[in-house]
Structure formats: C-alpha cells, structure tokens
Amino acid sequence: MTHTADRLLTVEEAAERLGTGVRFIRRLISERRIRYVKLGKPVRIPEAVLTAFIEERTVEPMARSRSTFGRAA
C-alpha cells in the first residue's frame, strides 16, 4: 500500500532515480511490473512503489567461503 503523502514521480523522474531510460520505465508500466497512478493520460509512480521495486530487486552479496584450492604449500 502507498501512503497518501507519497510524492508522485513522473516517468522521467523515475527513470532518473533508477539511472535508466524513460523507455525502461514505460516498459515496466506497460507490462504491469510496477504499480502506477493514472491521472487521465499522464502516469505517475509513487515514491514508495519505486523504493519497494528497488528493494525487491537488490541482491545481497554472498559470504565468501575460504577455498582450499589454489593455495601454495
């Protein structure tokens, strides 16, 4: 759920925040992979939705295990 106080980002602002092109954001919208608000023709993306999108796709680093291979005696 989004909060009513969330700032609504334009497609351009969302693209800038993700560091992607506008086309990528429009594809996310057309494929319904991200929630958005339709205000007539203009489309807006709540900040909280974009933050959740980023968090859901953040990959945590794996703990590196010590390998016994490749060690010199």
PDB file of N, CA and C in Angstrom:
ATOM      1  N   MET A   1       0.842  -1.187   0.000  1.00  0.00           N
ATOM      2  CA  MET A   1       0.000   0.000   0.000  1.00  0.00           C
ATOM      3  C   MET A   1       0.882   1.244   0.000  1.00  0.00           C
ATOM      4  N   THR A   2       0.452   2.241  -0.694  1.00  0.00           N
ATOM      5  CA  THR A   2       1.176   3.505  -0.699  1.00  0.00           C
ATOM      6  C   THR A   2       0.518   4.452   0.291  1.00  0.00           C
ATOM      7  N   HIS A   3       1.305   5.379   0.759  1.00  0.00           N
ATOM      8  CA  HIS A   3       0.779   6.396   1.664  1.00  0.00           C
ATOM      9  C   HIS A   3       0.272   7.554   0.829  1.00  0.00           C
ATOM     10  N   THR A   4      -0.738   8.221   1.311  1.00  0.00           N
ATOM     11  CA  THR A   4      -1.289   9.344   0.564  1.00  0.00           C
ATOM     12  C   THR A   4      -0.305  10.506   0.489  1.00  0.00           C
ATOM     13  N   ALA A   5       0.683  10.547   1.370  1.00  0.00           N
ATOM     14  CA  ALA A   5       1.650  11.631   1.375  1.00  0.00           C
ATOM     15  C   ALA A   5       2.827  11.353   0.433  1.00  0.00           C
ATOM     16  N   ASP A   6       2.829  10.171  -0.220  1.00  0.00           N
ATOM     17  CA  ASP A   6       3.915   9.854  -1.149  1.00  0.00           C
ATOM     18  C   ASP A   6       3.957  10.859  -2.288  1.00  0.00           C
ATOM     19  N   ARG A   7       5.154  11.235  -2.650  1.00  0.00           N
ATOM     20  CA  ARG A   7       5.325  12.115  -3.803  1.00  0.00           C
ATOM     21  C   ARG A   7       5.130  11.281  -5.055  1.00  0.00           C
ATOM     22  N   LEU A   8       4.396  11.799  -6.004  1.00  0.00           N
ATOM     23  CA  LEU A   8       4.178  11.103  -7.269  1.00  0.00           C
ATOM     24  C   LEU A   8       5.239  11.559  -8.268  1.00  0.00           C
ATOM     25  N   LEU A   9       6.015  10.610  -8.762  1.00  0.00           N
ATOM     26  CA  LEU A   9       7.101  10.906  -9.684  1.00  0.00           C
ATOM     27  C   LEU A   9       6.629  10.767 -11.126  1.00  0.00           C
ATOM     28  N   THR A  10       7.130  11.632 -11.975  1.00  0.00           N
ATOM     29  CA  THR A  10       6.865  11.486 -13.395  1.00  0.00           C
ATOM     30  C   THR A  10       7.707  10.317 -13.910  1.00  0.00           C
ATOM     31  N   VAL A  11       7.416   9.881 -15.109  1.00  0.00           N
ATOM     32  CA  VAL A  11       8.196   8.798 -15.714  1.00  0.00           C
ATOM     33  C   VAL A  11       9.658   9.225 -15.835  1.00  0.00           C
ATOM     34  N   GLU A  12       9.881  10.459 -16.189  1.00  0.00           N
ATOM     35  CA  GLU A  12      11.243  10.979 -16.325  1.00  0.00           C
ATOM     36  C   GLU A  12      11.981  10.975 -14.989  1.00  0.00           C
ATOM     37  N   GLU A  13      11.294  11.394 -13.912  1.00  0.00           N
ATOM     38  CA  GLU A  13      11.915  11.402 -12.585  1.00  0.00           C
ATOM     39  C   GLU A  13      12.214   9.984 -12.113  1.00  0.00           C
ATOM     40  N   ALA A  14      11.299   9.055 -12.384  1.00  0.00           N
ATOM     41  CA  ALA A  14      11.520   7.651 -12.001  1.00  0.00           C
ATOM     42  C   ALA A  14      12.715   7.078 -12.746  1.00  0.00           C
ATOM     43  N   ALA A  15      12.831   7.399 -14.026  1.00  0.00           N
ATOM     44  CA  ALA A  15      13.962   6.924 -14.823  1.00  0.00           C
ATOM     45  C   ALA A  15      15.274   7.477 -14.282  1.00  0.00           C
ATOM     46  N   GLU A  16      15.263   8.747 -13.921  1.00  0.00           N
ATOM     47  CA  GLU A  16      16.471   9.370 -13.368  1.00  0.00           C
ATOM     48  C   GLU A  16      16.850   8.722 -12.041  1.00  0.00           C
ATOM     49  N   ARG A  17      15.867   8.452 -11.210  1.00  0.00           N
ATOM     50  CA  ARG A  17      16.137   7.845  -9.904  1.00  0.00           C
ATOM     51  C   ARG A  17      16.721   6.441 -10.054  1.00  0.00           C
ATOM     52  N   LEU A  18      16.238   5.679 -11.047  1.00  0.00           N
ATOM     53  CA  LEU A  18      16.767   4.332 -11.264  1.00  0.00           C
ATOM     54  C   LEU A  18      18.033   4.332 -12.116  1.00  0.00           C
ATOM     55  N   GLY A  19      18.334   5.465 -12.709  1.00  0.00           N
ATOM     56  CA  GLY A  19      19.510   5.530 -13.566  1.00  0.00           C
ATOM     57  C   GLY A  19      19.282   4.790 -14.881  1.00  0.00           C
ATOM     58  N   THR A  20      18.052   4.817 -15.367  1.00  0.00           N
ATOM     59  CA  THR A  20      17.700   4.135 -16.606  1.00  0.00           C
ATOM     60  C   THR A  20      17.067   5.131 -17.562  1.00  0.00           C
ATOM     61  N   GLY A  21      16.684   4.627 -18.704  1.00  0.00           N
ATOM     62  CA  GLY A  21      15.995   5.461 -19.669  1.00  0.00           C
ATOM     63  C   GLY A  21      14.495   5.464 -19.411  1.00  0.00           C
ATOM     64  N   VAL A  22      13.832   6.439 -19.982  1.00  0.00           N
ATOM     65  CA  VAL A  22      12.382   6.561 -19.871  1.00  0.00           C
ATOM     66  C   VAL A  22      11.710   5.332 -20.470  1.00  0.00           C
ATOM     67  N   ARG A  23      12.292   4.794 -21.527  1.00  0.00           N
ATOM     68  CA  ARG A  23      11.727   3.625 -22.203  1.00  0.00           C
ATOM     69  C   ARG A  23      11.588   2.428 -21.263  1.00  0.00           C
ATOM     70  N   PHE A  24      12.587   2.224 -20.403  1.00  0.00           N
ATOM     71  CA  PHE A  24      12.545   1.119 -19.443  1.00  0.00           C
ATOM     72  C   PHE A  24      11.368   1.283 -18.483  1.00  0.00           C
ATOM     73  N   ILE A  25      11.172   2.488 -17.979  1.00  0.00           N
ATOM     74  CA  ILE A  25      10.067   2.751 -17.056  1.00  0.00           C
ATOM     75  C   ILE A  25       8.736   2.530 -17.767  1.00  0.00           C
ATOM     76  N   ARG A  26       8.622   3.015 -18.987  1.00  0.00           N
ATOM     77  CA  ARG A  26       7.382   2.821 -19.747  1.00  0.00           C
ATOM     78  C   ARG A  26       7.118   1.336 -20.001  1.00  0.00           C
ATOM     79  N   ARG A  27       8.180   0.540 -20.201  1.00  0.00           N
ATOM     80  CA  ARG A  27       8.008  -0.900 -20.386  1.00  0.00           C
ATOM     81  C   ARG A  27       7.524  -1.545 -19.097  1.00  0.00           C
ATOM     82  N   LEU A  28       8.082  -1.133 -17.949  1.00  0.00           N
ATOM     83  CA  LEU A  28       7.619  -1.657 -16.660  1.00  0.00           C
ATOM     84  C   LEU A  28       6.130  -1.381 -16.483  1.00  0.00           C
ATOM     85  N   ILE A  29       5.704  -0.189 -16.873  1.00  0.00           N
ATOM     86  CA  ILE A  29       4.301   0.196 -16.750  1.00  0.00           C
ATOM     87  C   ILE A  29       3.438  -0.629 -17.704  1.00  0.00           C
ATOM     88  N   SER A  30       3.850  -0.728 -18.964  1.00  0.00           N
ATOM     89  CA  SER A  30       3.024  -1.444 -19.948  1.00  0.00           C
ATOM     90  C   SER A  30       2.926  -2.930 -19.645  1.00  0.00           C
ATOM     91  N   GLU A  31       3.973  -3.501 -19.039  1.00  0.00           N
ATOM     92  CA  GLU A  31       3.959  -4.921 -18.667  1.00  0.00           C
ATOM     93  C   GLU A  31       3.365  -5.139 -17.273  1.00  0.00           C
ATOM     94  N   ARG A  32       2.922  -4.039 -16.659  1.00  0.00           N
ATOM     95  CA  ARG A  32       2.334  -4.074 -15.312  1.00  0.00           C
ATOM     96  C   ARG A  32       3.273  -4.723 -14.293  1.00  0.00           C
ATOM     97  N   ARG A  33       4.558  -4.421 -14.407  1.00  0.00           N
ATOM     98  CA  ARG A  33       5.559  -4.934 -13.469  1.00  0.00           C
ATOM     99  C   ARG A  33       5.794  -3.964 -12.318  1.00  0.00           C
ATOM    100  N   ILE A  34       5.171  -2.787 -12.410  1.00  0.00           N
ATOM    101  CA  ILE A  34       5.295  -1.786 -11.354  1.00  0.00           C
ATOM    102  C   ILE A  34       3.937  -1.094 -11.221  1.00  0.00           C
ATOM    103  N   ARG A  35       3.576  -0.769  -9.969  1.00  0.00           N
ATOM    104  CA  ARG A  35       2.301  -0.068  -9.747  1.00  0.00           C
ATOM    105  C   ARG A  35       2.458   1.392 -10.132  1.00  0.00           C
ATOM    106  N   TYR A  36       1.383   1.961 -10.632  1.00  0.00           N
ATOM    107  CA  TYR A  36       1.411   3.363 -11.048  1.00  0.00           C
ATOM    108  C   TYR A  36       0.036   3.975 -10.873  1.00  0.00           C
ATOM    109  N   VAL A  37      -0.002   5.293 -10.964  1.00  0.00           N
ATOM    110  CA  VAL A  37      -1.244   6.044 -10.831  1.00  0.00           C
ATOM    111  C   VAL A  37      -1.504   6.705 -12.183  1.00  0.00           C
ATOM    112  N   LYS A  38      -2.690   6.516 -12.703  1.00  0.00           N
ATOM    113  CA  LYS A  38      -3.051   7.115 -13.986  1.00  0.00           C
ATOM    114  C   LYS A  38      -3.954   8.316 -13.717  1.00  0.00           C
ATOM    115  N   LEU A  39      -3.502   9.469 -14.145  1.00  0.00           N
ATOM    116  CA  LEU A  39      -4.242  10.713 -13.956  1.00  0.00           C
ATOM    117  C   LEU A  39      -4.693  11.209 -15.329  1.00  0.00           C
ATOM    118  N   GLY A  40      -5.711  10.572 -15.872  1.00  0.00           N
ATOM    119  CA  GLY A  40      -6.088  10.873 -17.252  1.00  0.00           C
ATOM    120  C   GLY A  40      -5.059  10.227 -18.147  1.00  0.00           C
ATOM    121  N   LYS A  41      -4.393  11.017 -18.964  1.00  0.00           N
ATOM    122  CA  LYS A  41      -3.325  10.480 -19.814  1.00  0.00           C
ATOM    123  C   LYS A  41      -1.987  10.374 -19.068  1.00  0.00           C
ATOM    124  N   PRO A  42      -1.634  11.366 -18.245  1.00  0.00           N
ATOM    125  CA  PRO A  42      -0.346  11.268 -17.532  1.00  0.00           C
ATOM    126  C   PRO A  42      -0.299  10.099 -16.548  1.00  0.00           C
ATOM    127  N   VAL A  43       0.882   9.551 -16.389  1.00  0.00           N
ATOM    128  CA  VAL A  43       1.120   8.432 -15.467  1.00  0.00           C
ATOM    129  C   VAL A  43       2.125   8.902 -14.426  1.00  0.00           C
ATOM    130  N   ARG A  44       1.879   8.556 -13.170  1.00  0.00           N
ATOM    131  CA  ARG A  44       2.794   8.892 -12.074  1.00  0.00           C
ATOM    132  C   ARG A  44       3.106   7.635 -11.279  1.00  0.00           C
ATOM    133  N   ILE A  45       4.304   7.600 -10.712  1.00  0.00           N
ATOM    134  CA  ILE A  45       4.731   6.463  -9.903  1.00  0.00           C
ATOM    135  C   ILE A  45       5.004   6.969  -8.491  1.00  0.00           C
ATOM    136  N   PRO A  46       4.285   6.429  -7.489  1.00  0.00           N
ATOM    137  CA  PRO A  46       4.538   6.855  -6.109  1.00  0.00           C
ATOM    138  C   PRO A  46       5.966   6.501  -5.693  1.00  0.00           C
ATOM    139  N   GLU A  47       6.598   7.391  -4.944  1.00  0.00           N
ATOM    140  CA  GLU A  47       7.965   7.171  -4.483  1.00  0.00           C
ATOM    141  C   GLU A  47       8.111   5.850  -3.733  1.00  0.00           C
ATOM    142  N   ALA A  48       7.147   5.513  -2.890  1.00  0.00           N
ATOM    143  CA  ALA A  48       7.217   4.286  -2.108  1.00  0.00           C
ATOM    144  C   ALA A  48       7.213   3.046  -3.004  1.00  0.00           C
ATOM    145  N   VAL A  49       6.490   3.111  -4.110  1.00  0.00           N
ATOM    146  CA  VAL A  49       6.455   1.986  -5.043  1.00  0.00           C
ATOM    147  C   VAL A  49       7.821   1.809  -5.690  1.00  0.00           C
ATOM    148  N   LEU A  50       8.444   2.904  -6.066  1.00  0.00           N
ATOM    149  CA  LEU A  50       9.766   2.833  -6.681  1.00  0.00           C
ATOM    150  C   LEU A  50      10.804   2.329  -5.675  1.00  0.00           C
ATOM    151  N   THR A  51      10.701   2.788  -4.431  1.00  0.00           N
ATOM    152  CA  THR A  51      11.606   2.314  -3.382  1.00  0.00           C
ATOM    153  C   THR A  51      11.432   0.821  -3.163  1.00  0.00           C
ATOM    154  N   ALA A  52      10.193   0.343  -3.109  1.00  0.00           N
ATOM    155  CA  ALA A  52       9.929  -1.086  -2.938  1.00  0.00           C
ATOM    156  C   ALA A  52      10.457  -1.879  -4.129  1.00  0.00           C
ATOM    157  N   PHE A  53      10.308  -1.349  -5.334  1.00  0.00           N
ATOM    158  CA  PHE A  53      10.809  -2.002  -6.540  1.00  0.00           C
ATOM    159  C   PHE A  53      12.322  -2.194  -6.449  1.00  0.00           C
ATOM    160  N   ILE A  54      13.010  -1.163  -5.988  1.00  0.00           N
ATOM    161  CA  ILE A  54      14.472  -1.233  -5.828  1.00  0.00           C
ATOM    162  C   ILE A  54      14.840  -2.258  -4.763  1.00  0.00           C
ATOM    163  N   GLU A  55      14.174  -2.213  -3.616  1.00  0.00           N
ATOM    164  CA  GLU A  55      14.482  -3.137  -2.517  1.00  0.00           C
ATOM    165  C   GLU A  55      14.223  -4.593  -2.893  1.00  0.00           C
ATOM    166  N   GLU A  56      13.138  -4.850  -3.625  1.00  0.00           N
ATOM    167  CA  GLU A  56      12.809  -6.221  -4.032  1.00  0.00           C
ATOM    168  C   GLU A  56      13.845  -6.804  -4.978  1.00  0.00           C
ATOM    169  N   ARG A  57      14.529  -5.949  -5.709  1.00  0.00           N
ATOM    170  CA  ARG A  57      15.490  -6.426  -6.690  1.00  0.00           C
ATOM    171  C   ARG A  57      16.940  -6.265  -6.255  1.00  0.00           C
ATOM    172  N   THR A  58      17.150  -5.862  -5.021  1.00  0.00           N
ATOM    173  CA  THR A  58      18.505  -5.724  -4.507  1.00  0.00           C
ATOM    174  C   THR A  58      19.045  -7.096  -4.134  1.00  0.00           C
ATOM    175  N   VAL A  59      20.205  -7.424  -4.673  1.00  0.00           N
ATOM    176  CA  VAL A  59      20.829  -8.718  -4.432  1.00  0.00           C
ATOM    177  C   VAL A  59      21.925  -8.539  -3.384  1.00  0.00           C
ATOM    178  N   GLU A  60      21.808  -9.298  -2.313  1.00  0.00           N
ATOM    179  CA  GLU A  60      22.800  -9.226  -1.247  1.00  0.00           C
ATOM    180  C   GLU A  60      24.038 -10.027  -1.646  1.00  0.00           C
ATOM    181  N   PRO A  61      25.219  -9.571  -1.250  1.00  0.00           N
ATOM    182  CA  PRO A  61      26.437 -10.319  -1.583  1.00  0.00           C
ATOM    183  C   PRO A  61      26.481 -11.645  -0.816  1.00  0.00           C
ATOM    184  N   MET A  62      27.087 -12.619  -1.450  1.00  0.00           N
ATOM    185  CA  MET A  62      27.239 -13.917  -0.792  1.00  0.00           C
ATOM    186  C   MET A  62      28.446 -13.849   0.133  1.00  0.00           C
ATOM    187  N   ALA A  63      28.366 -14.587   1.249  1.00  0.00           N
ATOM    188  CA  ALA A  63      29.517 -14.664   2.147  1.00  0.00           C
ATOM    189  C   ALA A  63      30.572 -15.511   1.445  1.00  0.00           C
ATOM    190  N   ARG A  64      31.732 -15.003   1.350  1.00  0.00           N
ATOM    191  CA  ARG A  64      32.790 -15.717   0.646  1.00  0.00           C
ATOM    192  C   ARG A  64      33.375 -16.773   1.564  1.00  0.00           C
ATOM    193  N   SER A  65      33.330 -18.000   1.112  1.00  0.00           N
ATOM    194  CA  SER A  65      33.905 -19.076   1.917  1.00  0.00           C
ATOM    195  C   SER A  65      35.356 -19.257   1.532  1.00  0.00           C
ATOM    196  N   ARG A  66      36.117 -19.696   2.473  1.00  0.00           N
ATOM    197  CA  ARG A  66      37.542 -19.891   2.219  1.00  0.00           C
ATOM    198  C   ARG A  66      37.719 -21.165   1.408  1.00  0.00           C
ATOM    199  N   SER A  67      38.411 -21.068   0.345  1.00  0.00           N
ATOM    200  CA  SER A  67      38.635 -22.204  -0.538  1.00  0.00           C
ATOM    201  C   SER A  67      40.003 -22.798  -0.253  1.00  0.00           C
ATOM    202  N   THR A  68      40.067 -24.112  -0.310  1.00  0.00           N
ATOM    203  CA  THR A  68      41.364 -24.784  -0.102  1.00  0.00           C
ATOM    204  C   THR A  68      42.081 -24.961  -1.427  1.00  0.00           C
ATOM    205  N   PHE A  69      41.406 -24.669  -2.522  1.00  0.00           N
ATOM    206  CA  PHE A  69      42.039 -24.800  -3.836  1.00  0.00           C
ATOM    207  C   PHE A  69      42.891 -23.583  -4.123  1.00  0.00           C
ATOM    208  N   GLY A  70      43.987 -23.820  -4.834  1.00  0.00           N
ATOM    209  CA  GLY A  70      44.822 -22.729  -5.265  1.00  0.00           C
ATOM    210  C   GLY A  70      45.780 -22.213  -4.206  1.00  0.00           C
ATOM    211  N   ARG A  71      45.897 -22.919  -3.096  1.00  0.00           N
ATOM    212  CA  ARG A  71      46.829 -22.486  -2.059  1.00  0.00           C
ATOM    213  C   ARG A  71      48.193 -23.100  -2.281  1.00  0.00           C
ATOM    214  N   ALA A  72      49.184 -22.308  -2.063  1.00  0.00           N
ATOM    215  CA  ALA A  72      50.554 -22.811  -2.126  1.00  0.00           C
ATOM    216  C   ALA A  72      50.860 -23.480  -0.797  1.00  0.00           C
ATOM    217  N   ALA A  73      51.679 -24.504  -0.854  1.00  0.00           N
ATOM    218  CA  ALA A  73      52.019 -25.251   0.376  1.00  0.00           C
ATOM    219  C   ALA A  73      52.958 -24.496   1.258  1.00  0.00           C
TER     220      ALA A  73
END
